[in-house]
Amino acid sequence: MGLFVSCIRSRKPARCREEREPLLDSELEESRQLKDLFRKLVDIVAALDAGKLPSQHQLNHLIKVALKSEILYPKEGSSSLAGHKVLLDVREVLGLLAVFGFEKNYDDKNQTN
């Protein structure tokens, strides 16, 4: 009879999948990303302090990331006309730096002098 009773007993309701996921998962991931970024920045500053310069490939990557950044493309009405002009100028300078690096420093000679 014990076997039969165990089959008909009420079971605990299945918990929702959402209840099993940690509440702070996305916040923890953002925190990890910020820590990684901070570590990279510290490494960059230490290398520059030691007199080392980034390769042209590294500079090109940095320029591409900066040009894709949302901060250089503000939303309509978020800044003044002068602010938009400054951001346009910054994008233009970054573009010119990329062209200069590609045409004049493709072999990283400027980093070795």
PDB file of N, CA and C in Angstrom:
ATOM      1  N   MET A   1       0.815  -1.184   0.000  1.00  0.00           N
ATOM      2  CA  MET A   1       0.000   0.000   0.000  1.00  0.00           C
ATOM      3  C   MET A   1       0.862   1.253   0.000  1.00  0.00           C
ATOM      4  N   GLY A   2       2.046   1.191   0.578  1.00  0.00           N
ATOM      5  CA  GLY A   2       2.932   2.344   0.617  1.00  0.00           C
ATOM      6  C   GLY A   2       3.329   2.792  -0.782  1.00  0.00           C
ATOM      7  N   LEU A   3       3.499   1.838  -1.710  1.00  0.00           N
ATOM      8  CA  LEU A   3       3.868   2.161  -3.070  1.00  0.00           C
ATOM      9  C   LEU A   3       2.739   2.920  -3.758  1.00  0.00           C
ATOM     10  N   PHE A   4       1.522   2.483  -3.544  1.00  0.00           N
ATOM     11  CA  PHE A   4       0.368   3.121  -4.157  1.00  0.00           C
ATOM     12  C   PHE A   4       0.182   4.545  -3.637  1.00  0.00           C
ATOM     13  N   VAL A   5       0.360   4.753  -2.349  1.00  0.00           N
ATOM     14  CA  VAL A   5       0.170   6.060  -1.754  1.00  0.00           C
ATOM     15  C   VAL A   5       1.222   7.043  -2.271  1.00  0.00           C
ATOM     16  N   SER A   6       2.449   6.561  -2.471  1.00  0.00           N
ATOM     17  CA  SER A   6       3.491   7.464  -2.946  1.00  0.00           C
ATOM     18  C   SER A   6       3.233   7.912  -4.384  1.00  0.00           C
ATOM     19  N   CYS A   7       2.454   7.142  -5.152  1.00  0.00           N
ATOM     20  CA  CYS A   7       2.147   7.513  -6.533  1.00  0.00           C
ATOM     21  C   CYS A   7       1.052   8.568  -6.623  1.00  0.00           C
ATOM     22  N   ILE A   8       0.164   8.618  -5.665  1.00  0.00           N
ATOM     23  CA  ILE A   8      -0.956   9.547  -5.764  1.00  0.00           C
ATOM     24  C   ILE A   8      -0.800  10.790  -4.892  1.00  0.00           C
ATOM     25  N   ARG A   9       0.290  10.886  -4.205  1.00  0.00           N
ATOM     26  CA  ARG A   9       0.481  12.054  -3.346  1.00  0.00           C
ATOM     27  C   ARG A   9       0.664  13.306  -4.202  1.00  0.00           C
ATOM     28  N   SER A  10       0.383  14.413  -3.619  1.00  0.00           N
ATOM     29  CA  SER A  10       0.542  15.665  -4.372  1.00  0.00           C
ATOM     30  C   SER A  10       2.023  16.000  -4.475  1.00  0.00           C
ATOM     31  N   ARG A  11       2.360  16.491  -5.613  1.00  0.00           N
ATOM     32  CA  ARG A  11       3.752  16.847  -5.845  1.00  0.00           C
ATOM     33  C   ARG A  11       3.906  18.361  -5.682  1.00  0.00           C
ATOM     34  N   LYS A  12       5.111  18.753  -5.384  1.00  0.00           N
ATOM     35  CA  LYS A  12       5.385  20.178  -5.292  1.00  0.00           C
ATOM     36  C   LYS A  12       5.280  20.779  -6.684  1.00  0.00           C
ATOM     37  N   PRO A  13       4.700  21.951  -6.798  1.00  0.00           N
ATOM     38  CA  PRO A  13       4.578  22.561  -8.127  1.00  0.00           C
ATOM     39  C   PRO A  13       5.961  22.850  -8.714  1.00  0.00           C
ATOM     40  N   ALA A  14       6.067  22.611  -9.998  1.00  0.00           N
ATOM     41  CA  ALA A  14       7.331  22.873 -10.678  1.00  0.00           C
ATOM     42  C   ALA A  14       7.598  24.370 -10.671  1.00  0.00           C
ATOM     43  N   ARG A  15       8.792  24.715 -10.321  1.00  0.00           N
ATOM     44  CA  ARG A  15       9.144  26.134 -10.267  1.00  0.00           C
ATOM     45  C   ARG A  15       9.390  26.658 -11.678  1.00  0.00           C
ATOM     46  N   CYS A  16       9.078  27.885 -11.849  1.00  0.00           N
ATOM     47  CA  CYS A  16       9.313  28.516 -13.144  1.00  0.00           C
ATOM     48  C   CYS A  16      10.809  28.598 -13.400  1.00  0.00           C
ATOM     49  N   ARG A  17      11.143  28.544 -14.658  1.00  0.00           N
ATOM     50  CA  ARG A  17      12.549  28.635 -15.034  1.00  0.00           C
ATOM     51  C   ARG A  17      13.141  29.973 -14.577  1.00  0.00           C
ATOM     52  N   GLU A  18      12.324  31.024 -14.630  1.00  0.00           N
ATOM     53  CA  GLU A  18      12.784  32.347 -14.239  1.00  0.00           C
ATOM     54  C   GLU A  18      13.231  32.390 -12.792  1.00  0.00           C
ATOM     55  N   GLU A  19      12.587  31.620 -11.941  1.00  0.00           N
ATOM     56  CA  GLU A  19      12.932  31.621 -10.530  1.00  0.00           C
ATOM     57  C   GLU A  19      14.270  30.953 -10.275  1.00  0.00           C
ATOM     58  N   ARG A  20      14.719  30.146 -11.187  1.00  0.00           N
ATOM     59  CA  ARG A  20      15.975  29.431 -10.997  1.00  0.00           C
ATOM     60  C   ARG A  20      17.176  30.227 -11.501  1.00  0.00           C
ATOM     61  N   GLU A  21      16.937  31.244 -12.298  1.00  0.00           N
ATOM     62  CA  GLU A  21      18.029  32.055 -12.818  1.00  0.00           C
ATOM     63  C   GLU A  21      18.390  33.130 -11.801  1.00  0.00           C
ATOM     64  N   PRO A  22      19.665  33.418 -11.671  1.00  0.00           N
ATOM     65  CA  PRO A  22      20.052  34.463 -10.718  1.00  0.00           C
ATOM     66  C   PRO A  22      19.537  35.827 -11.170  1.00  0.00           C
ATOM     67  N   LEU A  23      19.150  36.620 -10.209  1.00  0.00           N
ATOM     68  CA  LEU A  23      18.596  37.929 -10.514  1.00  0.00           C
ATOM     69  C   LEU A  23      19.659  38.907 -10.994  1.00  0.00           C
ATOM     70  N   LEU A  24      20.878  38.728 -10.564  1.00  0.00           N
ATOM     71  CA  LEU A  24      21.934  39.686 -10.860  1.00  0.00           C
ATOM     72  C   LEU A  24      22.843  39.234 -11.994  1.00  0.00           C
ATOM     73  N   ASP A  25      22.424  38.296 -12.808  1.00  0.00           N
ATOM     74  CA  ASP A  25      23.284  37.741 -13.841  1.00  0.00           C
ATOM     75  C   ASP A  25      23.770  38.802 -14.818  1.00  0.00           C
ATOM     76  N   SER A  26      22.886  39.624 -15.323  1.00  0.00           N
ATOM     77  CA  SER A  26      23.302  40.643 -16.293  1.00  0.00           C
ATOM     78  C   SER A  26      24.180  41.697 -15.629  1.00  0.00           C
ATOM     79  N   GLU A  27      23.888  42.039 -14.393  1.00  0.00           N
ATOM     80  CA  GLU A  27      24.709  43.010 -13.676  1.00  0.00           C
ATOM     81  C   GLU A  27      26.102  42.451 -13.418  1.00  0.00           C
ATOM     82  N   LEU A  28      26.196  41.168 -13.121  1.00  0.00           N
ATOM     83  CA  LEU A  28      27.502  40.558 -12.907  1.00  0.00           C
ATOM     84  C   LEU A  28      28.314  40.549 -14.196  1.00  0.00           C
ATOM     85  N   GLU A  29      27.658  40.276 -15.315  1.00  0.00           N
ATOM     86  CA  GLU A  29      28.341  40.264 -16.605  1.00  0.00           C
ATOM     87  C   GLU A  29      28.853  41.660 -16.943  1.00  0.00           C
ATOM     88  N   GLU A  30      28.044  42.685 -16.712  1.00  0.00           N
ATOM     89  CA  GLU A  30      28.478  44.057 -16.959  1.00  0.00           C
ATOM     90  C   GLU A  30      29.648  44.421 -16.058  1.00  0.00           C
ATOM     91  N   SER A  31      29.601  43.971 -14.820  1.00  0.00           N
ATOM     92  CA  SER A  31      30.686  44.241 -13.880  1.00  0.00           C
ATOM     93  C   SER A  31      31.979  43.581 -14.352  1.00  0.00           C
ATOM     94  N   ARG A  32      31.882  42.351 -14.850  1.00  0.00           N
ATOM     95  CA  ARG A  32      33.064  41.657 -15.375  1.00  0.00           C
ATOM     96  C   ARG A  32      33.633  42.389 -16.581  1.00  0.00           C
ATOM     97  N   GLN A  33      32.755  42.850 -17.454  1.00  0.00           N
ATOM     98  CA  GLN A  33      33.215  43.571 -18.639  1.00  0.00           C
ATOM     99  C   GLN A  33      33.920  44.865 -18.254  1.00  0.00           C
ATOM    100  N   LEU A  34      33.382  45.572 -17.268  1.00  0.00           N
ATOM    101  CA  LEU A  34      34.021  46.797 -16.815  1.00  0.00           C
ATOM    102  C   LEU A  34      35.383  46.519 -16.194  1.00  0.00           C
ATOM    103  N   LYS A  35      35.479  45.435 -15.426  1.00  0.00           N
ATOM    104  CA  LYS A  35      36.767  45.068 -14.834  1.00  0.00           C
ATOM    105  C   LYS A  35      37.778  44.726 -15.916  1.00  0.00           C
ATOM    106  N   ASP A  36      37.348  43.979 -16.938  1.00  0.00           N
ATOM    107  CA  ASP A  36      38.251  43.641 -18.037  1.00  0.00           C
ATOM    108  C   ASP A  36      38.711  44.891 -18.778  1.00  0.00           C
ATOM    109  N   LEU A  37      37.792  45.801 -19.015  1.00  0.00           N
ATOM    110  CA  LEU A  37      38.138  47.048 -19.686  1.00  0.00           C
ATOM    111  C   LEU A  37      39.124  47.849 -18.843  1.00  0.00           C
ATOM    112  N   PHE A  38      38.890  47.913 -17.548  1.00  0.00           N
ATOM    113  CA  PHE A  38      39.784  48.644 -16.658  1.00  0.00           C
ATOM    114  C   PHE A  38      41.174  48.020 -16.670  1.00  0.00           C
ATOM    115  N   ARG A  39      41.244  46.699 -16.645  1.00  0.00           N
ATOM    116  CA  ARG A  39      42.550  46.020 -16.701  1.00  0.00           C
ATOM    117  C   ARG A  39      43.284  46.331 -18.000  1.00  0.00           C
ATOM    118  N   LYS A  40      42.548  46.341 -19.107  1.00  0.00           N
ATOM    119  CA  LYS A  40      43.163  46.672 -20.391  1.00  0.00           C
ATOM    120  C   LYS A  40      43.687  48.099 -20.382  1.00  0.00           C
ATOM    121  N   LEU A  41      42.903  49.019 -19.832  1.00  0.00           N
ATOM    122  CA  LEU A  41      43.342  50.406 -19.772  1.00  0.00           C
ATOM    123  C   LEU A  41      44.590  50.559 -18.914  1.00  0.00           C
ATOM    124  N   VAL A  42      44.648  49.837 -17.811  1.00  0.00           N
ATOM    125  CA  VAL A  42      45.828  49.879 -16.949  1.00  0.00           C
ATOM    126  C   VAL A  42      47.043  49.326 -17.705  1.00  0.00           C
ATOM    127  N   ASP A  43      46.854  48.243 -18.445  1.00  0.00           N
ATOM    128  CA  ASP A  43      47.947  47.686 -19.242  1.00  0.00           C
ATOM    129  C   ASP A  43      48.426  48.661 -20.306  1.00  0.00           C
ATOM    130  N   ILE A  44      47.489  49.356 -20.940  1.00  0.00           N
ATOM    131  CA  ILE A  44      47.848  50.332 -21.973  1.00  0.00           C
ATOM    132  C   ILE A  44      48.649  51.476 -21.368  1.00  0.00           C
ATOM    133  N   VAL A  45      48.194  52.003 -20.245  1.00  0.00           N
ATOM    134  CA  VAL A  45      48.900  53.111 -19.595  1.00  0.00           C
ATOM    135  C   VAL A  45      50.286  52.663 -19.153  1.00  0.00           C
ATOM    136  N   ALA A  46      50.396  51.457 -18.621  1.00  0.00           N
ATOM    137  CA  ALA A  46      51.705  50.951 -18.192  1.00  0.00           C
ATOM    138  C   ALA A  46      52.644  50.796 -19.380  1.00  0.00           C
ATOM    139  N   ALA A  47      52.141  50.312 -20.508  1.00  0.00           N
ATOM    140  CA  ALA A  47      52.979  50.157 -21.695  1.00  0.00           C
ATOM    141  C   ALA A  47      53.429  51.518 -22.218  1.00  0.00           C
ATOM    142  N   LEU A  48      52.522  52.484 -22.255  1.00  0.00           N
ATOM    143  CA  LEU A  48      52.892  53.831 -22.703  1.00  0.00           C
ATOM    144  C   LEU A  48      53.908  54.459 -21.763  1.00  0.00           C
ATOM    145  N   ASP A  49      53.741  54.228 -20.470  1.00  0.00           N
ATOM    146  CA  ASP A  49      54.677  54.755 -19.487  1.00  0.00           C
ATOM    147  C   ASP A  49      56.064  54.141 -19.651  1.00  0.00           C
ATOM    148  N   ALA A  50      56.102  52.890 -20.093  1.00  0.00           N
ATOM    149  CA  ALA A  50      57.377  52.209 -20.313  1.00  0.00           C
ATOM    150  C   ALA A  50      58.008  52.593 -21.652  1.00  0.00           C
ATOM    151  N   GLY A  51      57.345  53.459 -22.408  1.00  0.00           N
ATOM    152  CA  GLY A  51      57.901  53.915 -23.672  1.00  0.00           C
ATOM    153  C   GLY A  51      57.515  53.067 -24.870  1.00  0.00           C
ATOM    154  N   LYS A  52      56.592  52.156 -24.692  1.00  0.00           N
ATOM    155  CA  LYS A  52      56.157  51.302 -25.803  1.00  0.00           C
ATOM    156  C   LYS A  52      54.970  51.948 -26.502  1.00  0.00           C
ATOM    157  N   LEU A  53      54.957  51.873 -27.813  1.00  0.00           N
ATOM    158  CA  LEU A  53      53.863  52.419 -28.601  1.00  0.00           C
ATOM    159  C   LEU A  53      53.065  51.285 -29.236  1.00  0.00           C
ATOM    160  N   PRO A  54      51.778  51.491 -29.436  1.00  0.00           N
ATOM    161  CA  PRO A  54      50.968  50.435 -30.064  1.00  0.00           C
ATOM    162  C   PRO A  54      51.332  50.274 -31.542  1.00  0.00           C
ATOM    163  N   SER A  55      51.122  49.083 -32.053  1.00  0.00           N
ATOM    164  CA  SER A  55      51.370  48.840 -33.477  1.00  0.00           C
ATOM    165  C   SER A  55      50.293  49.540 -34.295  1.00  0.00           C
ATOM    166  N   GLN A  56      50.542  49.656 -35.589  1.00  0.00           N
ATOM    167  CA  GLN A  56      49.557  50.300 -36.453  1.00  0.00           C
ATOM    168  C   GLN A  56      48.270  49.491 -36.497  1.00  0.00           C
ATOM    169  N   HIS A  57      48.386  48.177 -36.429  1.00  0.00           N
ATOM    170  CA  HIS A  57      47.198  47.329 -36.401  1.00  0.00           C
ATOM    171  C   HIS A  57      46.352  47.631 -35.157  1.00  0.00           C
ATOM    172  N   GLN A  58      47.010  47.782 -34.013  1.00  0.00           N
ATOM    173  CA  GLN A  58      46.289  48.092 -32.781  1.00  0.00           C
ATOM    174  C   GLN A  58      45.644  49.477 -32.857  1.00  0.00           C
ATOM    175  N   LEU A  59      46.362  50.443 -33.427  1.00  0.00           N
ATOM    176  CA  LEU A  59      45.792  51.781 -33.587  1.00  0.00           C
ATOM    177  C   LEU A  59      44.588  51.760 -34.519  1.00  0.00           C
ATOM    178  N   ASN A  60      44.697  51.021 -35.622  1.00  0.00           N
ATOM    179  CA  ASN A  60      43.568  50.921 -36.559  1.00  0.00           C
ATOM    180  C   ASN A  60      42.346  50.323 -35.879  1.00  0.00           C
ATOM    181  N   HIS A  61      42.567  49.299 -35.067  1.00  0.00           N
ATOM    182  CA  HIS A  61      41.451  48.670 -34.353  1.00  0.00           C
ATOM    183  C   HIS A  61      40.810  49.675 -33.384  1.00  0.00           C
ATOM    184  N   LEU A  62      41.638  50.421 -32.678  1.00  0.00           N
ATOM    185  CA  LEU A  62      41.124  51.416 -31.739  1.00  0.00           C
ATOM    186  C   LEU A  62      40.313  52.487 -32.469  1.00  0.00           C
ATOM    187  N   ILE A  63      40.807  52.926 -33.614  1.00  0.00           N
ATOM    188  CA  ILE A  63      40.097  53.944 -34.388  1.00  0.00           C
ATOM    189  C   ILE A  63      38.754  53.398 -34.889  1.00  0.00           C
ATOM    190  N   LYS A  64      38.744  52.150 -35.351  1.00  0.00           N
ATOM    191  CA  LYS A  64      37.489  51.543 -35.817  1.00  0.00           C
ATOM    192  C   LYS A  64      36.467  51.454 -34.689  1.00  0.00           C
ATOM    193  N   VAL A  65      36.926  51.035 -33.512  1.00  0.00           N
ATOM    194  CA  VAL A  65      36.022  50.936 -32.363  1.00  0.00           C
ATOM    195  C   VAL A  65      35.485  52.321 -31.991  1.00  0.00           C
ATOM    196  N   ALA A  66      36.361  53.321 -32.005  1.00  0.00           N
ATOM    197  CA  ALA A  66      35.930  54.673 -31.664  1.00  0.00           C
ATOM    198  C   ALA A  66      34.923  55.201 -32.681  1.00  0.00           C
ATOM    199  N   LEU A  67      35.162  54.925 -33.963  1.00  0.00           N
ATOM    200  CA  LEU A  67      34.242  55.415 -34.993  1.00  0.00           C
ATOM    201  C   LEU A  67      32.890  54.715 -34.948  1.00  0.00           C
ATOM    202  N   LYS A  68      32.847  53.497 -34.423  1.00  0.00           N
ATOM    203  CA  LYS A  68      31.577  52.775 -34.290  1.00  0.00           C
ATOM    204  C   LYS A  68      30.857  53.123 -32.986  1.00  0.00           C
ATOM    205  N   SER A  69      31.546  53.803 -32.095  1.00  0.00           N
ATOM    206  CA  SER A  69      30.993  54.128 -30.788  1.00  0.00           C
ATOM    207  C   SER A  69      29.794  55.055 -30.913  1.00  0.00           C
ATOM    208  N   GLU A  70      28.797  54.824 -30.098  1.00  0.00           N
ATOM    209  CA  GLU A  70      27.586  55.649 -30.102  1.00  0.00           C
ATOM    210  C   GLU A  70      27.862  57.058 -29.604  1.00  0.00           C
ATOM    211  N   ILE A  71      28.926  57.231 -28.854  1.00  0.00           N
ATOM    212  CA  ILE A  71      29.198  58.544 -28.284  1.00  0.00           C
ATOM    213  C   ILE A  71      29.542  59.573 -29.359  1.00  0.00           C
ATOM    214  N   LEU A  72      30.060  59.122 -30.495  1.00  0.00           N
ATOM    215  CA  LEU A  72      30.386  60.040 -31.588  1.00  0.00           C
ATOM    216  C   LEU A  72      29.197  60.317 -32.492  1.00  0.00           C
ATOM    217  N   TYR A  73      28.079  59.647 -32.240  1.00  0.00           N
ATOM    218  CA  TYR A  73      26.863  59.841 -33.040  1.00  0.00           C
ATOM    219  C   TYR A  73      25.696  60.116 -32.091  1.00  0.00           C
ATOM    220  N   PRO A  74      25.620  61.340 -31.562  1.00  0.00           N
ATOM    221  CA  PRO A  74      24.571  61.629 -30.575  1.00  0.00           C
ATOM    222  C   PRO A  74      23.182  61.640 -31.211  1.00  0.00           C
ATOM    223  N   LYS A  75      22.207  61.409 -30.376  1.00  0.00           N
ATOM    224  CA  LYS A  75      20.817  61.448 -30.832  1.00  0.00           C
ATOM    225  C   LYS A  75      20.408  62.891 -31.096  1.00  0.00           C
ATOM    226  N   GLU A  76      19.406  63.026 -31.916  1.00  0.00           N
ATOM    227  CA  GLU A  76      18.916  64.354 -32.299  1.00  0.00           C
ATOM    228  C   GLU A  76      18.473  65.129 -31.058  1.00  0.00           C
ATOM    229  N   GLY A  77      18.963  66.334 -30.911  1.00  0.00           N
ATOM    230  CA  GLY A  77      18.573  67.182 -29.798  1.00  0.00           C
ATOM    231  C   GLY A  77      19.305  66.921 -28.501  1.00  0.00           C
ATOM    232  N   SER A  78      20.286  66.010 -28.511  1.00  0.00           N
ATOM    233  CA  SER A  78      20.981  65.698 -27.268  1.00  0.00           C
ATOM    234  C   SER A  78      22.144  66.637 -26.988  1.00  0.00           C
ATOM    235  N   SER A  79      22.593  67.369 -28.004  1.00  0.00           N
ATOM    236  CA  SER A  79      23.659  68.341 -27.780  1.00  0.00           C
ATOM    237  C   SER A  79      23.435  69.556 -28.676  1.00  0.00           C
ATOM    238  N   SER A  80      24.222  70.574 -28.410  1.00  0.00           N
ATOM    239  CA  SER A  80      24.068  71.817 -29.161  1.00  0.00           C
ATOM    240  C   SER A  80      24.665  71.680 -30.562  1.00  0.00           C
ATOM    241  N   LEU A  81      24.467  72.689 -31.355  1.00  0.00           N
ATOM    242  CA  LEU A  81      25.024  72.724 -32.698  1.00  0.00           C
ATOM    243  C   LEU A  81      26.553  72.691 -32.638  1.00  0.00           C
ATOM    244  N   ALA A  82      27.118  73.425 -31.692  1.00  0.00           N
ATOM    245  CA  ALA A  82      28.577  73.414 -31.519  1.00  0.00           C
ATOM    246  C   ALA A  82      29.070  72.026 -31.116  1.00  0.00           C
ATOM    247  N   GLY A  83      28.312  71.339 -30.258  1.00  0.00           N
ATOM    248  CA  GLY A  83      28.675  69.979 -29.852  1.00  0.00           C
ATOM    249  C   GLY A  83      28.662  69.027 -31.030  1.00  0.00           C
ATOM    250  N   HIS A  84      27.666  69.144 -31.896  1.00  0.00           N
ATOM    251  CA  HIS A  84      27.611  68.308 -33.096  1.00  0.00           C
ATOM    252  C   HIS A  84      28.808  68.577 -34.004  1.00  0.00           C
ATOM    253  N   LYS A  85      29.209  69.843 -34.106  1.00  0.00           N
ATOM    254  CA  LYS A  85      30.355  70.190 -34.946  1.00  0.00           C
ATOM    255  C   LYS A  85      31.639  69.588 -34.379  1.00  0.00           C
ATOM    256  N   VAL A  86      31.791  69.641 -33.071  1.00  0.00           N
ATOM    257  CA  VAL A  86      32.977  69.051 -32.437  1.00  0.00           C
ATOM    258  C   VAL A  86      33.026  67.546 -32.707  1.00  0.00           C
ATOM    259  N   LEU A  87      31.895  66.869 -32.557  1.00  0.00           N
ATOM    260  CA  LEU A  87      31.865  65.428 -32.798  1.00  0.00           C
ATOM    261  C   LEU A  87      32.146  65.107 -34.259  1.00  0.00           C
ATOM    262  N   LEU A  88      31.636  65.921 -35.155  1.00  0.00           N
ATOM    263  CA  LEU A  88      31.929  65.734 -36.574  1.00  0.00           C
ATOM    264  C   LEU A  88      33.419  65.902 -36.838  1.00  0.00           C
ATOM    265  N   ASP A  89      34.038  66.892 -36.206  1.00  0.00           N
ATOM    266  CA  ASP A  89      35.472  67.109 -36.360  1.00  0.00           C
ATOM    267  C   ASP A  89      36.283  65.948 -35.782  1.00  0.00           C
ATOM    268  N   VAL A  90      35.860  65.431 -34.643  1.00  0.00           N
ATOM    269  CA  VAL A  90      36.553  64.291 -34.041  1.00  0.00           C
ATOM    270  C   VAL A  90      36.477  63.082 -34.965  1.00  0.00           C
ATOM    271  N   ARG A  91      35.305  62.830 -35.540  1.00  0.00           N
ATOM    272  CA  ARG A  91      35.175  61.707 -36.483  1.00  0.00           C
ATOM    273  C   ARG A  91      36.065  61.914 -37.694  1.00  0.00           C
ATOM    274  N   GLU A  92      36.143  63.154 -38.173  1.00  0.00           N
ATOM    275  CA  GLU A  92      36.985  63.437 -39.334  1.00  0.00           C
ATOM    276  C   GLU A  92      38.466  63.219 -39.005  1.00  0.00           C
ATOM    277  N   VAL A  93      38.905  63.680 -37.834  1.00  0.00           N
ATOM    278  CA  VAL A  93      40.305  63.491 -37.428  1.00  0.00           C
ATOM    279  C   VAL A  93      40.624  62.004 -37.287  1.00  0.00           C
ATOM    280  N   LEU A  94      39.725  61.247 -36.692  1.00  0.00           N
ATOM    281  CA  LEU A  94      39.953  59.804 -36.565  1.00  0.00           C
ATOM    282  C   LEU A  94      40.053  59.146 -37.936  1.00  0.00           C
ATOM    283  N   GLY A  95      39.205  59.554 -38.849  1.00  0.00           N
ATOM    284  CA  GLY A  95      39.275  59.017 -40.203  1.00  0.00           C
ATOM    285  C   GLY A  95      40.594  59.350 -40.878  1.00  0.00           C
ATOM    286  N   LEU A  96      41.064  60.577 -40.693  1.00  0.00           N
ATOM    287  CA  LEU A  96      42.348  60.980 -41.274  1.00  0.00           C
ATOM    288  C   LEU A  96      43.514  60.225 -40.645  1.00  0.00           C
ATOM    289  N   LEU A  97      43.443  59.988 -39.336  1.00  0.00           N
ATOM    290  CA  LEU A  97      44.486  59.190 -38.683  1.00  0.00           C
ATOM    291  C   LEU A  97      44.531  57.772 -39.239  1.00  0.00           C
ATOM    292  N   ALA A  98      43.371  57.213 -39.505  1.00  0.00           N
ATOM    293  CA  ALA A  98      43.320  55.868 -40.079  1.00  0.00           C
ATOM    294  C   ALA A  98      43.945  55.854 -41.470  1.00  0.00           C
ATOM    295  N   VAL A  99      43.637  56.858 -42.281  1.00  0.00           N
ATOM    296  CA  VAL A  99      44.208  56.939 -43.628  1.00  0.00           C
ATOM    297  C   VAL A  99      45.722  57.138 -43.558  1.00  0.00           C
ATOM    298  N   PHE A 100      46.164  58.031 -42.674  1.00  0.00           N
ATOM    299  CA  PHE A 100      47.595  58.260 -42.507  1.00  0.00           C
ATOM    300  C   PHE A 100      48.308  56.968 -42.112  1.00  0.00           C
ATOM    301  N   GLY A 101      47.748  56.272 -41.138  1.00  0.00           N
ATOM    302  CA  GLY A 101      48.364  55.024 -40.694  1.00  0.00           C
ATOM    303  C   GLY A 101      48.433  53.996 -41.801  1.00  0.00           C
ATOM    304  N   PHE A 102      47.385  53.932 -42.591  1.00  0.00           N
ATOM    305  CA  PHE A 102      47.358  52.952 -43.677  1.00  0.00           C
ATOM    306  C   PHE A 102      48.364  53.303 -44.767  1.00  0.00           C
ATOM    307  N   GLU A 103      48.454  54.597 -45.112  1.00  0.00           N
ATOM    308  CA  GLU A 103      49.321  55.000 -46.216  1.00  0.00           C
ATOM    309  C   GLU A 103      50.768  55.204 -45.815  1.00  0.00           C
ATOM    310  N   LYS A 104      51.020  55.747 -44.639  1.00  0.00           N
ATOM    311  CA  LYS A 104      52.376  56.144 -44.262  1.00  0.00           C
ATOM    312  C   LYS A 104      53.036  55.239 -43.223  1.00  0.00           C
ATOM    313  N   ASN A 105      52.253  54.526 -42.469  1.00  0.00           N
ATOM    314  CA  ASN A 105      52.833  53.754 -41.371  1.00  0.00           C
ATOM    315  C   ASN A 105      52.413  52.298 -41.406  1.00  0.00           C
ATOM    316  N   TYR A 106      52.210  51.765 -42.580  1.00  0.00           N
ATOM    317  CA  TYR A 106      51.775  50.372 -42.689  1.00  0.00           C
ATOM    318  C   TYR A 106      52.806  49.397 -42.142  1.00  0.00           C
ATOM    319  N   ASP A 107      54.083  49.797 -42.106  1.00  0.00           N
ATOM    320  CA  ASP A 107      55.150  48.904 -41.651  1.00  0.00           C
ATOM    321  C   ASP A 107      55.618  49.200 -40.213  1.00  0.00           C
ATOM    322  N   ASP A 108      54.878  50.016 -39.482  1.00  0.00           N
ATOM    323  CA  ASP A 108      55.160  50.340 -38.070  1.00  0.00           C
ATOM    324  C   ASP A 108      56.499  51.030 -37.854  1.00  0.00           C
ATOM    325  N   LYS A 109      57.012  51.747 -38.838  1.00  0.00           N
ATOM    326  CA  LYS A 109      58.297  52.436 -38.656  1.00  0.00           C
ATOM    327  C   LYS A 109      58.202  53.567 -37.644  1.00  0.00           C
ATOM    328  N   ASN A 110      57.061  54.226 -37.569  1.00  0.00           N
ATOM    329  CA  ASN A 110      56.929  55.316 -36.603  1.00  0.00           C
ATOM    330  C   ASN A 110      56.993  54.814 -35.170  1.00  0.00           C
ATOM    331  N   GLN A 111      56.621  53.587 -34.907  1.00  0.00           N
ATOM    332  CA  GLN A 111      56.675  53.039 -33.557  1.00  0.00           C
ATOM    333  C   GLN A 111      58.091  52.667 -33.166  1.00  0.00           C
ATOM    334  N   THR A 112      58.983  52.424 -34.116  1.00  0.00           N
ATOM    335  CA  THR A 112      60.332  51.966 -33.780  1.00  0.00           C
ATOM    336  C   THR A 112      61.329  53.112 -33.666  1.00  0.00           C
ATOM    337  N   ASN A 113      60.972  54.282 -34.131  1.00  0.00           N
ATOM    338  CA  ASN A 113      61.919  55.417 -34.078  1.00  0.00           C
ATOM    339  C   ASN A 113      61.888  56.088 -32.745  1.00  0.00           C
TER     340      ASN A 113
END
